[in-house]
Amino acid sequence: MQGLKGGLKPVRVLAGTALVACLYVIAHATTALVITPLQYALFQDTTDFASLLYLPHGVRVLAVWLLRWQALPGLFAGAFASELIFTDGSLLEIMQPVLLESIAVGALSGYLVFEALRLSGEDAYAGANPHLNWQQLFMIGIVSSIVNSIGQSIVFGGLVVPENAVQVLLFYAIGDILGLFVMLLLTLAIFRGFRAAE
C-alpha cells in the first residue's frame, strides 16, 4: 500500500485507515485507563494534557513508517475518537477550542519528519531499505516527539500556566519517547514471533 504506484484500491485504503484508527484507540485506551491513573497516583501535580507513557505516539510513528501519507486519515480518526471516548467532559470542554489543532499536530509530527528525511535524500519509510533499521526508526520517533512536544506546547499555550510550560513540554517528549519505545519493543517481539513460526 505504498505511494501511488499502480493506483490505490479504495478498499485497501479504507482498511488501512480503519486498522490505524483502531490501533490508535486501543493504545489510547491503555494509556487513559491504565497508565494515566498510575501517573496521577505517583505525580499528583502533573498536567492533564500529557502522559508520561503515551503509547499512541508509537502507533503514529509505525503507521506513518508503514503507510506513509495513507496513515494520516486513520491517525486523525483514531485521535478524534479517543478524545471523545476517553477525555473527561470538563477537560474536553476546556480543550475544545484547540482540540483539532492538537490532533493535527500529533498526527502530522511523524509524517513531517519522514518527509523531511525523504526530501533530504534519506528515505526511511518501510520498504525503502531492504534492512530494517530499528535505531533509525527510534531516532525518527524521538525527533517527531520533539516536533509534537513543541507543537502541543504552542497549541495548549493559552491553557497552561506559564510556570508549568517547561514541565508540560517535557511530559510530552518523555511520554512520546517512552510510548514509542514500548510500541517498538512490542512490534519487534511480534516480528520475531512471526519469524520463529516460519
N, C-alpha and C. Protein backbone atom coordinates (compact mmCIF):
# COMPACT_ATOMS: atom_id res chain seq x y z
N MET A 1 0.83 -1.18 0.00
CA MET A 1 0.00 0.00 0.00
C MET A 1 0.87 1.24 0.00
N GLN A 2 1.97 1.22 -0.73
CA GLN A 2 2.88 2.34 -0.77
C GLN A 2 2.58 3.25 -1.93
N GLY A 3 2.70 4.55 -1.67
CA GLY A 3 2.63 5.55 -2.73
C GLY A 3 1.44 5.40 -3.65
N LEU A 4 1.57 5.98 -4.85
CA LEU A 4 0.51 5.92 -5.83
C LEU A 4 0.84 4.98 -6.98
N LYS A 5 1.95 4.27 -6.91
CA LYS A 5 2.34 3.37 -7.98
C LYS A 5 1.27 2.31 -8.18
N GLY A 6 0.78 2.20 -9.38
CA GLY A 6 -0.21 1.18 -9.68
C GLY A 6 -1.59 1.53 -9.16
N GLY A 7 -1.75 2.70 -8.60
CA GLY A 7 -3.05 3.12 -8.11
C GLY A 7 -3.39 2.49 -6.76
N LEU A 8 -4.25 3.15 -6.04
CA LEU A 8 -4.68 2.66 -4.74
C LEU A 8 -6.06 2.07 -4.85
N LYS A 9 -6.26 0.98 -4.20
CA LYS A 9 -7.58 0.39 -4.16
C LYS A 9 -8.30 0.99 -2.96
N PRO A 10 -9.48 1.60 -3.19
CA PRO A 10 -10.19 2.26 -2.09
C PRO A 10 -10.44 1.35 -0.90
N VAL A 11 -10.69 0.08 -1.14
CA VAL A 11 -10.94 -0.84 -0.03
C VAL A 11 -9.70 -0.99 0.83
N ARG A 12 -8.52 -1.06 0.21
CA ARG A 12 -7.27 -1.18 0.96
C ARG A 12 -6.99 0.08 1.76
N VAL A 13 -7.27 1.24 1.18
CA VAL A 13 -7.06 2.49 1.89
C VAL A 13 -8.00 2.57 3.09
N LEU A 14 -9.27 2.21 2.88
CA LEU A 14 -10.24 2.23 3.98
C LEU A 14 -9.86 1.22 5.07
N ALA A 15 -9.39 0.06 4.66
CA ALA A 15 -8.98 -0.96 5.63
C ALA A 15 -7.78 -0.46 6.44
N GLY A 16 -6.82 0.17 5.75
CA GLY A 16 -5.66 0.73 6.44
C GLY A 16 -6.07 1.83 7.41
N THR A 17 -6.99 2.68 6.97
CA THR A 17 -7.48 3.76 7.83
C THR A 17 -8.16 3.18 9.06
N ALA A 18 -9.02 2.18 8.87
CA ALA A 18 -9.74 1.58 9.99
C ALA A 18 -8.76 0.89 10.94
N LEU A 19 -7.77 0.18 10.41
CA LEU A 19 -6.80 -0.52 11.26
C LEU A 19 -6.00 0.48 12.09
N VAL A 20 -5.50 1.52 11.45
CA VAL A 20 -4.71 2.53 12.18
C VAL A 20 -5.56 3.19 13.25
N ALA A 21 -6.79 3.55 12.90
CA ALA A 21 -7.68 4.20 13.87
C ALA A 21 -7.94 3.27 15.06
N CYS A 22 -8.20 2.00 14.80
CA CYS A 22 -8.45 1.03 15.89
C CYS A 22 -7.22 0.85 16.77
N LEU A 23 -6.05 0.71 16.16
CA LEU A 23 -4.83 0.56 16.94
C LEU A 23 -4.56 1.80 17.79
N TYR A 24 -4.84 2.95 17.22
CA TYR A 24 -4.66 4.21 17.97
C TYR A 24 -5.59 4.24 19.17
N VAL A 25 -6.86 3.89 18.97
CA VAL A 25 -7.83 3.90 20.06
C VAL A 25 -7.44 2.90 21.15
N ILE A 26 -6.98 1.72 20.75
CA ILE A 26 -6.54 0.72 21.73
C ILE A 26 -5.34 1.24 22.54
N ALA A 27 -4.38 1.83 21.85
CA ALA A 27 -3.20 2.39 22.54
C ALA A 27 -3.62 3.53 23.47
N HIS A 28 -4.53 4.37 23.00
CA HIS A 28 -5.00 5.48 23.83
C HIS A 28 -5.79 4.96 25.03
N ALA A 29 -6.60 3.92 24.82
CA ALA A 29 -7.36 3.33 25.92
C ALA A 29 -6.42 2.79 26.99
N THR A 30 -5.38 2.12 26.58
CA THR A 30 -4.39 1.60 27.53
C THR A 30 -3.75 2.73 28.32
N THR A 31 -3.43 3.80 27.61
CA THR A 31 -2.84 4.97 28.26
C THR A 31 -3.84 5.59 29.24
N ALA A 32 -5.07 5.82 28.77
CA ALA A 32 -6.07 6.51 29.59
C ALA A 32 -6.55 5.69 30.78
N LEU A 33 -6.72 4.40 30.59
CA LEU A 33 -7.33 3.58 31.63
C LEU A 33 -6.34 2.90 32.57
N VAL A 34 -5.09 2.77 32.13
CA VAL A 34 -4.09 2.09 32.96
C VAL A 34 -2.97 3.04 33.38
N ILE A 35 -2.34 3.68 32.40
CA ILE A 35 -1.15 4.49 32.68
C ILE A 35 -1.49 5.79 33.38
N THR A 36 -2.51 6.51 32.90
CA THR A 36 -2.85 7.80 33.49
C THR A 36 -3.23 7.69 34.97
N PRO A 37 -4.07 6.72 35.38
CA PRO A 37 -4.35 6.60 36.82
C PRO A 37 -3.08 6.36 37.66
N LEU A 38 -2.16 5.56 37.13
CA LEU A 38 -0.89 5.34 37.83
C LEU A 38 -0.08 6.63 37.90
N GLN A 39 -0.08 7.37 36.81
CA GLN A 39 0.66 8.63 36.76
C GLN A 39 0.12 9.60 37.81
N TYR A 40 -1.20 9.73 37.90
CA TYR A 40 -1.78 10.64 38.88
C TYR A 40 -1.53 10.18 40.31
N ALA A 41 -1.48 8.87 40.52
CA ALA A 41 -1.19 8.35 41.86
C ALA A 41 0.25 8.68 42.27
N LEU A 42 1.16 8.64 41.31
CA LEU A 42 2.57 8.90 41.61
C LEU A 42 2.94 10.38 41.55
N PHE A 43 2.34 11.10 40.59
CA PHE A 43 2.67 12.51 40.36
C PHE A 43 1.37 13.31 40.33
N GLN A 44 0.89 13.73 41.48
CA GLN A 44 -0.41 14.37 41.56
C GLN A 44 -0.46 15.74 40.90
N ASP A 45 0.64 16.42 40.79
CA ASP A 45 0.65 17.77 40.23
C ASP A 45 1.00 17.79 38.74
N THR A 46 0.83 16.68 38.05
CA THR A 46 1.17 16.65 36.64
C THR A 46 0.08 17.29 35.80
N THR A 47 0.39 17.50 34.55
CA THR A 47 -0.53 18.13 33.61
C THR A 47 -1.63 17.17 33.18
N ASP A 48 -2.77 17.74 32.82
CA ASP A 48 -3.86 16.94 32.25
C ASP A 48 -3.66 16.73 30.75
N PHE A 49 -2.70 17.41 30.16
CA PHE A 49 -2.55 17.41 28.71
C PHE A 49 -1.51 16.41 28.21
N ALA A 50 -0.78 15.75 29.08
CA ALA A 50 0.28 14.86 28.62
C ALA A 50 0.42 13.65 29.55
N SER A 51 0.88 12.55 28.99
CA SER A 51 1.11 11.32 29.74
C SER A 51 2.59 10.99 29.72
N LEU A 52 3.09 10.41 30.80
CA LEU A 52 4.50 10.01 30.85
C LEU A 52 4.79 8.75 30.06
N LEU A 53 3.77 8.07 29.58
CA LEU A 53 3.93 6.90 28.71
C LEU A 53 2.77 6.92 27.72
N TYR A 54 2.98 7.60 26.60
CA TYR A 54 1.91 7.81 25.64
C TYR A 54 2.08 6.85 24.45
N LEU A 55 1.41 5.70 24.54
CA LEU A 55 1.53 4.64 23.54
C LEU A 55 1.09 5.05 22.13
N PRO A 56 0.11 5.93 21.97
CA PRO A 56 -0.28 6.30 20.60
C PRO A 56 0.84 6.93 19.77
N HIS A 57 1.86 7.50 20.41
CA HIS A 57 2.97 8.04 19.61
C HIS A 57 3.66 6.91 18.85
N GLY A 58 3.79 5.76 19.48
CA GLY A 58 4.37 4.61 18.78
C GLY A 58 3.51 4.20 17.60
N VAL A 59 2.18 4.24 17.77
CA VAL A 59 1.27 3.92 16.67
C VAL A 59 1.46 4.93 15.55
N ARG A 60 1.58 6.22 15.89
CA ARG A 60 1.77 7.27 14.88
C ARG A 60 3.02 7.00 14.05
N VAL A 61 4.13 6.77 14.73
CA VAL A 61 5.40 6.58 14.02
C VAL A 61 5.38 5.31 13.17
N LEU A 62 4.92 4.21 13.75
CA LEU A 62 4.89 2.94 13.00
C LEU A 62 3.91 2.99 11.84
N ALA A 63 2.75 3.62 12.03
CA ALA A 63 1.76 3.71 10.95
C ALA A 63 2.30 4.53 9.79
N VAL A 64 2.92 5.67 10.08
CA VAL A 64 3.47 6.50 9.01
C VAL A 64 4.64 5.79 8.34
N TRP A 65 5.45 5.11 9.11
CA TRP A 65 6.57 4.35 8.55
C TRP A 65 6.07 3.32 7.54
N LEU A 66 5.00 2.63 7.89
CA LEU A 66 4.46 1.58 7.03
C LEU A 66 3.59 2.10 5.88
N LEU A 67 2.76 3.10 6.15
CA LEU A 67 1.73 3.51 5.18
C LEU A 67 1.94 4.89 4.57
N ARG A 68 2.96 5.59 5.01
CA ARG A 68 3.23 6.95 4.52
C ARG A 68 2.03 7.85 4.77
N TRP A 69 1.68 8.70 3.82
CA TRP A 69 0.58 9.65 3.98
C TRP A 69 -0.76 8.95 4.20
N GLN A 70 -0.85 7.70 3.77
CA GLN A 70 -2.11 6.96 3.88
C GLN A 70 -2.46 6.65 5.35
N ALA A 71 -1.49 6.81 6.25
CA ALA A 71 -1.76 6.60 7.67
C ALA A 71 -2.50 7.79 8.28
N LEU A 72 -2.41 8.96 7.65
CA LEU A 72 -2.93 10.18 8.26
C LEU A 72 -4.44 10.15 8.54
N PRO A 73 -5.29 9.70 7.61
CA PRO A 73 -6.73 9.67 7.94
C PRO A 73 -7.03 8.80 9.17
N GLY A 74 -6.37 7.65 9.28
CA GLY A 74 -6.57 6.79 10.44
C GLY A 74 -6.06 7.41 11.73
N LEU A 75 -4.95 8.13 11.64
CA LEU A 75 -4.42 8.80 12.82
C LEU A 75 -5.36 9.92 13.28
N PHE A 76 -5.87 10.69 12.33
CA PHE A 76 -6.83 11.74 12.68
C PHE A 76 -8.09 11.13 13.30
N ALA A 77 -8.63 10.10 12.66
CA ALA A 77 -9.87 9.48 13.13
C ALA A 77 -9.66 8.83 14.50
N GLY A 78 -8.55 8.12 14.68
CA GLY A 78 -8.26 7.47 15.96
C GLY A 78 -8.07 8.47 17.09
N ALA A 79 -7.37 9.55 16.80
CA ALA A 79 -7.14 10.57 17.83
C ALA A 79 -8.45 11.27 18.19
N PHE A 80 -9.26 11.59 17.20
CA PHE A 80 -10.53 12.27 17.46
C PHE A 80 -11.45 11.36 18.27
N ALA A 81 -11.57 10.11 17.86
CA ALA A 81 -12.42 9.16 18.59
C ALA A 81 -11.90 8.97 20.01
N SER A 82 -10.60 8.87 20.17
CA SER A 82 -10.01 8.68 21.50
C SER A 82 -10.32 9.84 22.43
N GLU A 83 -10.22 11.05 21.90
CA GLU A 83 -10.52 12.22 22.74
C GLU A 83 -11.98 12.20 23.17
N LEU A 84 -12.86 11.87 22.24
CA LEU A 84 -14.29 11.84 22.57
C LEU A 84 -14.62 10.74 23.59
N ILE A 85 -13.96 9.60 23.45
CA ILE A 85 -14.26 8.45 24.31
C ILE A 85 -13.61 8.58 25.69
N PHE A 86 -12.35 8.99 25.74
CA PHE A 86 -11.58 8.87 26.98
C PHE A 86 -11.30 10.16 27.73
N THR A 87 -11.53 11.30 27.11
CA THR A 87 -11.25 12.56 27.81
C THR A 87 -12.46 12.97 28.64
N ASP A 88 -12.21 13.30 29.89
CA ASP A 88 -13.27 13.76 30.79
C ASP A 88 -14.00 14.95 30.16
N GLY A 89 -15.32 14.98 30.35
CA GLY A 89 -16.15 16.02 29.73
C GLY A 89 -15.73 17.43 30.06
N SER A 90 -15.36 17.68 31.31
CA SER A 90 -14.95 19.05 31.69
C SER A 90 -13.62 19.42 31.03
N LEU A 91 -12.70 18.48 30.95
CA LEU A 91 -11.42 18.75 30.28
C LEU A 91 -11.63 18.90 28.78
N LEU A 92 -12.51 18.08 28.22
CA LEU A 92 -12.81 18.17 26.79
C LEU A 92 -13.40 19.54 26.46
N GLU A 93 -14.21 20.06 27.35
CA GLU A 93 -14.80 21.39 27.14
C GLU A 93 -13.72 22.47 27.13
N ILE A 94 -12.75 22.34 28.02
CA ILE A 94 -11.63 23.30 28.07
C ILE A 94 -10.79 23.18 26.80
N MET A 95 -10.54 21.93 26.35
CA MET A 95 -9.69 21.68 25.19
C MET A 95 -10.39 21.96 23.86
N GLN A 96 -11.70 22.02 23.86
CA GLN A 96 -12.48 22.08 22.62
C GLN A 96 -11.99 23.13 21.61
N PRO A 97 -11.64 24.35 22.05
CA PRO A 97 -11.20 25.34 21.06
C PRO A 97 -9.92 24.95 20.31
N VAL A 98 -9.09 24.10 20.92
CA VAL A 98 -7.81 23.75 20.30
C VAL A 98 -7.69 22.25 19.99
N LEU A 99 -8.78 21.52 20.16
CA LEU A 99 -8.73 20.06 20.00
C LEU A 99 -8.27 19.64 18.60
N LEU A 100 -8.85 20.22 17.57
CA LEU A 100 -8.47 19.83 16.20
C LEU A 100 -7.03 20.19 15.89
N GLU A 101 -6.57 21.33 16.39
CA GLU A 101 -5.17 21.70 16.18
C GLU A 101 -4.24 20.71 16.87
N SER A 102 -4.60 20.30 18.09
CA SER A 102 -3.80 19.34 18.82
C SER A 102 -3.74 18.00 18.08
N ILE A 103 -4.87 17.56 17.58
CA ILE A 103 -4.92 16.30 16.82
C ILE A 103 -4.06 16.41 15.56
N ALA A 104 -4.15 17.53 14.87
CA ALA A 104 -3.36 17.72 13.65
C ALA A 104 -1.86 17.70 13.95
N VAL A 105 -1.45 18.37 15.01
CA VAL A 105 -0.03 18.38 15.38
C VAL A 105 0.45 16.96 15.64
N GLY A 106 -0.31 16.21 16.44
CA GLY A 106 0.10 14.83 16.75
C GLY A 106 0.15 13.94 15.53
N ALA A 107 -0.88 14.02 14.69
CA ALA A 107 -0.95 13.15 13.51
C ALA A 107 0.14 13.49 12.50
N LEU A 108 0.47 14.75 12.35
CA LEU A 108 1.42 15.17 11.32
C LEU A 108 2.87 15.13 11.76
N SER A 109 3.15 15.06 13.04
CA SER A 109 4.53 15.18 13.53
C SER A 109 5.46 14.12 12.92
N GLY A 110 5.05 12.87 12.95
CA GLY A 110 5.90 11.81 12.38
C GLY A 110 6.02 11.93 10.87
N TYR A 111 4.91 12.22 10.22
CA TYR A 111 4.91 12.35 8.76
C TYR A 111 5.87 13.46 8.31
N LEU A 112 5.86 14.58 9.01
CA LEU A 112 6.75 15.69 8.64
C LEU A 112 8.22 15.30 8.76
N VAL A 113 8.55 14.51 9.77
CA VAL A 113 9.95 14.08 9.94
C VAL A 113 10.34 13.09 8.85
N PHE A 114 9.47 12.11 8.57
CA PHE A 114 9.77 11.16 7.48
C PHE A 114 9.92 11.89 6.15
N GLU A 115 9.05 12.85 5.89
CA GLU A 115 9.11 13.59 4.62
C GLU A 115 10.35 14.47 4.54
N ALA A 116 10.73 15.09 5.65
CA ALA A 116 11.95 15.90 5.66
C ALA A 116 13.15 15.03 5.33
N LEU A 117 13.19 13.84 5.89
CA LEU A 117 14.28 12.91 5.58
C LEU A 117 14.25 12.51 4.11
N ARG A 118 13.06 12.18 3.60
CA ARG A 118 12.94 11.76 2.20
C ARG A 118 13.39 12.88 1.26
N LEU A 119 12.98 14.10 1.56
CA LEU A 119 13.34 15.23 0.70
C LEU A 119 14.84 15.54 0.78
N SER A 120 15.48 15.13 1.88
CA SER A 120 16.93 15.35 2.00
C SER A 120 17.72 14.18 1.41
N GLY A 121 17.02 13.18 0.85
CA GLY A 121 17.70 12.06 0.20
C GLY A 121 17.77 10.79 1.02
N GLU A 122 17.21 10.78 2.21
CA GLU A 122 17.24 9.60 3.09
C GLU A 122 15.81 9.09 3.28
N ASP A 123 15.39 8.18 2.41
CA ASP A 123 14.04 7.63 2.51
C ASP A 123 14.03 6.58 3.60
N ALA A 124 13.33 6.86 4.68
CA ALA A 124 13.31 5.96 5.84
C ALA A 124 12.00 5.19 5.95
N TYR A 125 11.12 5.32 4.97
CA TYR A 125 9.86 4.59 5.01
C TYR A 125 10.10 3.09 4.86
N ALA A 126 9.15 2.30 5.33
CA ALA A 126 9.23 0.84 5.19
C ALA A 126 9.33 0.48 3.72
N GLY A 127 10.18 -0.46 3.42
CA GLY A 127 10.35 -0.91 2.05
C GLY A 127 11.38 -0.14 1.26
N ALA A 128 11.81 1.02 1.75
CA ALA A 128 12.81 1.81 1.03
C ALA A 128 14.20 1.20 1.18
N ASN A 129 14.41 0.46 2.25
CA ASN A 129 15.69 -0.15 2.54
C ASN A 129 15.44 -1.64 2.83
N PRO A 130 16.21 -2.54 2.22
CA PRO A 130 15.96 -3.97 2.45
C PRO A 130 16.20 -4.41 3.90
N HIS A 131 16.95 -3.63 4.66
CA HIS A 131 17.23 -3.97 6.05
C HIS A 131 16.51 -3.00 6.98
N LEU A 132 15.79 -3.55 7.92
CA LEU A 132 15.06 -2.74 8.89
C LEU A 132 16.04 -2.16 9.90
N ASN A 133 16.00 -0.86 10.07
CA ASN A 133 16.90 -0.17 10.98
C ASN A 133 16.08 0.38 12.16
N TRP A 134 16.03 -0.39 13.25
CA TRP A 134 15.24 -0.01 14.42
C TRP A 134 15.77 1.25 15.07
N GLN A 135 17.10 1.43 15.07
CA GLN A 135 17.68 2.63 15.67
C GLN A 135 17.25 3.88 14.91
N GLN A 136 17.24 3.78 13.58
CA GLN A 136 16.81 4.92 12.77
C GLN A 136 15.34 5.23 13.03
N LEU A 137 14.53 4.19 13.11
CA LEU A 137 13.10 4.38 13.38
C LEU A 137 12.89 5.03 14.76
N PHE A 138 13.68 4.60 15.74
CA PHE A 138 13.58 5.19 17.07
C PHE A 138 14.01 6.65 17.05
N MET A 139 15.07 6.97 16.32
CA MET A 139 15.53 8.36 16.23
C MET A 139 14.48 9.24 15.53
N ILE A 140 13.85 8.71 14.50
CA ILE A 140 12.78 9.45 13.83
C ILE A 140 11.65 9.71 14.82
N GLY A 141 11.34 8.71 15.62
CA GLY A 141 10.31 8.87 16.64
C GLY A 141 10.67 9.91 17.68
N ILE A 142 11.94 9.98 18.06
CA ILE A 142 12.38 10.99 19.01
C ILE A 142 12.24 12.39 18.42
N VAL A 143 12.70 12.55 17.17
CA VAL A 143 12.59 13.86 16.53
C VAL A 143 11.12 14.25 16.35
N SER A 144 10.28 13.29 15.95
CA SER A 144 8.87 13.61 15.79
C SER A 144 8.22 13.91 17.14
N SER A 145 8.73 13.31 18.21
CA SER A 145 8.26 13.64 19.55
C SER A 145 8.60 15.07 19.91
N ILE A 146 9.78 15.51 19.55
CA ILE A 146 10.18 16.89 19.82
C ILE A 146 9.30 17.85 19.02
N VAL A 147 9.07 17.51 17.75
CA VAL A 147 8.17 18.33 16.92
C VAL A 147 6.78 18.38 17.55
N ASN A 148 6.27 17.21 17.96
CA ASN A 148 4.96 17.14 18.60
C ASN A 148 4.93 17.93 19.91
N SER A 149 5.96 17.78 20.72
CA SER A 149 6.01 18.46 22.02
C SER A 149 5.98 19.97 21.86
N ILE A 150 6.77 20.48 20.95
CA ILE A 150 6.80 21.92 20.71
C ILE A 150 5.44 22.37 20.16
N GLY A 151 4.92 21.61 19.20
CA GLY A 151 3.62 21.96 18.62
C GLY A 151 2.50 21.94 19.65
N GLN A 152 2.47 20.90 20.50
CA GLN A 152 1.43 20.82 21.52
C GLN A 152 1.58 21.93 22.55
N SER A 153 2.80 22.29 22.88
CA SER A 153 3.03 23.39 23.83
C SER A 153 2.51 24.70 23.27
N ILE A 154 2.67 24.88 21.96
CA ILE A 154 2.13 26.09 21.32
C ILE A 154 0.61 26.04 21.31
N VAL A 155 0.04 24.89 20.91
CA VAL A 155 -1.42 24.75 20.84
C VAL A 155 -2.06 24.98 22.20
N PHE A 156 -1.50 24.38 23.25
CA PHE A 156 -2.08 24.48 24.59
C PHE A 156 -1.50 25.64 25.40
N GLY A 157 -0.69 26.48 24.77
CA GLY A 157 -0.02 27.58 25.46
C GLY A 157 -0.96 28.45 26.27
N GLY A 158 -2.14 28.74 25.75
CA GLY A 158 -3.08 29.58 26.48
C GLY A 158 -3.79 28.86 27.60
N LEU A 159 -3.67 27.54 27.65
CA LEU A 159 -4.36 26.76 28.68
C LEU A 159 -3.43 26.28 29.79
N VAL A 160 -2.14 26.49 29.60
CA VAL A 160 -1.15 26.02 30.57
C VAL A 160 -0.60 27.21 31.33
N VAL A 161 -0.53 27.07 32.64
CA VAL A 161 0.06 28.12 33.47
C VAL A 161 1.52 28.29 33.04
N PRO A 162 1.96 29.54 32.78
CA PRO A 162 3.32 29.75 32.25
C PRO A 162 4.44 29.06 33.02
N GLU A 163 4.36 29.03 34.36
CA GLU A 163 5.45 28.39 35.11
C GLU A 163 5.46 26.87 34.93
N ASN A 164 4.38 26.29 34.36
CA ASN A 164 4.34 24.85 34.10
C ASN A 164 4.66 24.50 32.65
N ALA A 165 4.93 25.49 31.82
CA ALA A 165 5.11 25.27 30.38
C ALA A 165 6.26 24.30 30.08
N VAL A 166 7.39 24.47 30.76
CA VAL A 166 8.53 23.58 30.51
C VAL A 166 8.20 22.16 30.96
N GLN A 167 7.52 22.03 32.10
CA GLN A 167 7.13 20.70 32.58
C GLN A 167 6.20 20.01 31.59
N VAL A 168 5.25 20.74 31.02
CA VAL A 168 4.33 20.17 30.04
C VAL A 168 5.10 19.72 28.81
N LEU A 169 6.02 20.56 28.32
CA LEU A 169 6.85 20.22 27.17
C LEU A 169 7.62 18.94 27.45
N LEU A 170 8.23 18.84 28.61
CA LEU A 170 8.99 17.64 28.98
C LEU A 170 8.10 16.41 29.09
N PHE A 171 6.90 16.58 29.66
CA PHE A 171 5.98 15.45 29.77
C PHE A 171 5.60 14.93 28.39
N TYR A 172 5.32 15.83 27.46
CA TYR A 172 5.00 15.39 26.10
C TYR A 172 6.17 14.61 25.51
N ALA A 173 7.36 15.15 25.60
CA ALA A 173 8.52 14.49 24.99
C ALA A 173 8.81 13.14 25.65
N ILE A 174 8.83 13.11 26.97
CA ILE A 174 9.11 11.86 27.68
C ILE A 174 8.02 10.82 27.39
N GLY A 175 6.77 11.24 27.45
CA GLY A 175 5.66 10.32 27.19
C GLY A 175 5.69 9.74 25.80
N ASP A 176 5.94 10.60 24.81
CA ASP A 176 6.02 10.13 23.43
C ASP A 176 7.17 9.15 23.24
N ILE A 177 8.33 9.51 23.76
CA ILE A 177 9.52 8.67 23.56
C ILE A 177 9.36 7.32 24.26
N LEU A 178 8.88 7.34 25.50
CA LEU A 178 8.67 6.07 26.21
C LEU A 178 7.57 5.24 25.55
N GLY A 179 6.51 5.90 25.10
CA GLY A 179 5.44 5.20 24.40
C GLY A 179 5.93 4.57 23.11
N LEU A 180 6.76 5.31 22.38
CA LEU A 180 7.36 4.78 21.15
C LEU A 180 8.25 3.58 21.47
N PHE A 181 9.07 3.70 22.51
CA PHE A 181 9.97 2.61 22.88
C PHE A 181 9.18 1.33 23.19
N VAL A 182 8.11 1.46 23.97
CA VAL A 182 7.29 0.29 24.31
C VAL A 182 6.66 -0.30 23.05
N MET A 183 6.13 0.54 22.17
CA MET A 183 5.50 0.04 20.95
C MET A 183 6.51 -0.60 20.01
N LEU A 184 7.72 -0.05 19.94
CA LEU A 184 8.76 -0.67 19.11
C LEU A 184 9.16 -2.03 19.67
N LEU A 185 9.28 -2.13 20.98
CA LEU A 185 9.59 -3.44 21.60
C LEU A 185 8.49 -4.45 21.30
N LEU A 186 7.26 -4.03 21.42
CA LEU A 186 6.12 -4.91 21.14
C LEU A 186 6.13 -5.35 19.67
N THR A 187 6.36 -4.41 18.78
CA THR A 187 6.40 -4.72 17.34
C THR A 187 7.56 -5.66 17.03
N LEU A 188 8.72 -5.39 17.62
CA LEU A 188 9.88 -6.26 17.42
C LEU A 188 9.59 -7.67 17.90
N ALA A 189 8.94 -7.79 19.05
CA ALA A 189 8.58 -9.11 19.58
C ALA A 189 7.62 -9.83 18.64
N ILE A 190 6.67 -9.09 18.08
CA ILE A 190 5.72 -9.70 17.13
C ILE A 190 6.45 -10.16 15.88
N PHE A 191 7.34 -9.32 15.33
CA PHE A 191 8.11 -9.71 14.14
C PHE A 191 8.95 -10.95 14.41
N ARG A 192 9.60 -10.99 15.57
CA ARG A 192 10.42 -12.16 15.92
C ARG A 192 9.57 -13.40 16.08
N GLY A 193 8.38 -13.23 16.64
CA GLY A 193 7.45 -14.35 16.78
C GLY A 193 7.04 -14.91 15.44
N PHE A 194 6.77 -14.02 14.47
CA PHE A 194 6.41 -14.47 13.12
C PHE A 194 7.59 -15.18 12.46
N ARG A 195 8.79 -14.62 12.65
CA ARG A 195 9.98 -15.22 12.06
C ARG A 195 10.25 -16.60 12.65
N ALA A 196 10.05 -16.74 13.96
CA ALA A 196 10.27 -18.03 14.63
C ALA A 196 9.25 -19.06 14.19
N ALA A 197 8.05 -18.61 13.84
CA ALA A 197 6.98 -19.54 13.43
C ALA A 197 7.18 -20.06 12.00
N GLU A 198 8.04 -19.39 11.22
CA GLU A 198 8.27 -19.82 9.83
C GLU A 198 9.08 -21.08 9.75
